[in-house]
Amino acid sequence: MNNKIKTKVIHSQTKSAWNVVGENIGSKYKIARIPYVDTQDEGISSRNRIEAFEHANFISFCFNNSDKILSQIK
């Protein structure tokens, strides 16, 4: 696994989704897209958006800390 990939979470400009993207120039840009359902009910939409954001942050954390994670496995 390439442990030099650093990522961040941003909101998609065109979709109801959070994107995990690479920060380094010249590397793969979009790592993952985490969509959420946007409904008429504001409470459900907010909960879906927050849950998707938490999942995106977890994915980003795993990439940003892959060296520490891999050292625990070995």
Protein backbone atom coordinates (compact mmCIF):
# COMPACT_ATOMS: atom_id res chain seq x y z
CA MET A 1 0.00 0.00 0.00
CA ASN A 2 1.25 3.45 -0.89
CA ASN A 3 1.47 5.29 2.44
CA LYS A 4 2.42 8.61 0.86
CA ILE A 5 -1.15 9.42 -0.23
CA LYS A 6 -2.57 12.31 1.79
CA THR A 7 -6.27 13.03 1.45
CA LYS A 8 -8.96 15.48 2.47
CA VAL A 9 -12.76 15.49 2.39
CA ILE A 10 -14.67 17.96 0.23
CA HIS A 11 -18.30 18.19 -0.83
CA SER A 12 -19.13 17.37 -4.43
CA GLN A 13 -19.98 20.39 -6.56
CA THR A 14 -22.61 18.53 -8.62
CA LYS A 15 -23.91 15.64 -6.50
CA SER A 16 -25.23 14.94 -3.01
CA ALA A 17 -21.96 13.34 -1.95
CA TRP A 18 -18.71 13.81 -0.09
CA ASN A 19 -15.49 13.17 -2.00
CA VAL A 20 -12.23 11.91 -0.54
CA VAL A 21 -9.56 13.48 -2.73
CA GLY A 22 -5.80 13.40 -2.84
CA GLU A 23 -3.85 16.48 -1.76
CA ASN A 24 -0.65 15.76 -3.68
CA ILE A 25 -0.24 17.15 -7.18
CA GLY A 26 0.27 14.44 -9.76
CA SER A 27 -1.32 11.65 -7.74
CA LYS A 28 -4.78 10.15 -8.09
CA TYR A 29 -7.26 12.92 -7.34
CA LYS A 30 -10.58 11.28 -6.40
CA ILE A 31 -10.13 8.36 -4.01
CA ALA A 32 -13.78 7.77 -3.06
CA ARG A 33 -17.26 9.24 -3.43
CA ILE A 34 -19.63 8.80 -0.51
CA PRO A 35 -23.17 9.69 -1.64
CA TYR A 36 -26.11 10.42 0.62
CA VAL A 37 -29.85 10.65 0.00
CA ASP A 38 -31.25 14.17 0.03
CA THR A 39 -34.99 14.02 0.89
CA GLN A 40 -37.80 16.47 1.58
CA ASP A 41 -37.50 15.72 5.31
CA GLU A 42 -34.75 18.01 6.63
CA GLY A 43 -34.07 15.80 9.66
CA ILE A 44 -33.46 12.68 7.56
CA SER A 45 -31.40 14.61 5.02
CA SER A 46 -29.24 16.11 7.74
CA ARG A 47 -28.68 12.72 9.37
CA ASN A 48 -27.77 11.13 6.00
CA ARG A 49 -25.37 13.98 5.21
CA ILE A 50 -23.66 13.75 8.61
CA GLU A 51 -23.34 9.95 8.41
CA ALA A 52 -21.81 10.16 4.92
CA PHE A 53 -19.40 12.86 6.16
CA GLU A 54 -18.30 10.60 9.05
CA HIS A 55 -17.68 7.73 6.62
CA ALA A 56 -15.68 10.01 4.32
CA ASN A 57 -13.58 11.22 7.25
CA PHE A 58 -12.90 7.62 8.29
CA ILE A 59 -11.71 6.71 4.79
CA SER A 60 -9.52 9.82 4.68
CA PHE A 61 -8.12 9.06 8.15
CA CYS A 62 -7.17 5.55 7.03
CA PHE A 63 -5.23 6.91 4.04
CA ASN A 64 -3.55 9.66 6.06
CA ASN A 65 -2.51 7.24 8.82
CA SER A 66 -1.85 4.11 6.76
CA ASP A 67 1.72 3.77 8.07
CA LYS A 68 0.47 3.61 11.68
CA ILE A 69 -2.34 1.20 10.74
CA LEU A 70 0.00 -1.11 8.83
CA SER A 71 2.51 -1.13 11.68
CA GLN A 72 -0.24 -2.41 14.02
CA ILE A 73 -1.04 -5.26 11.64
CA LYS A 74 2.54 -6.50 11.28
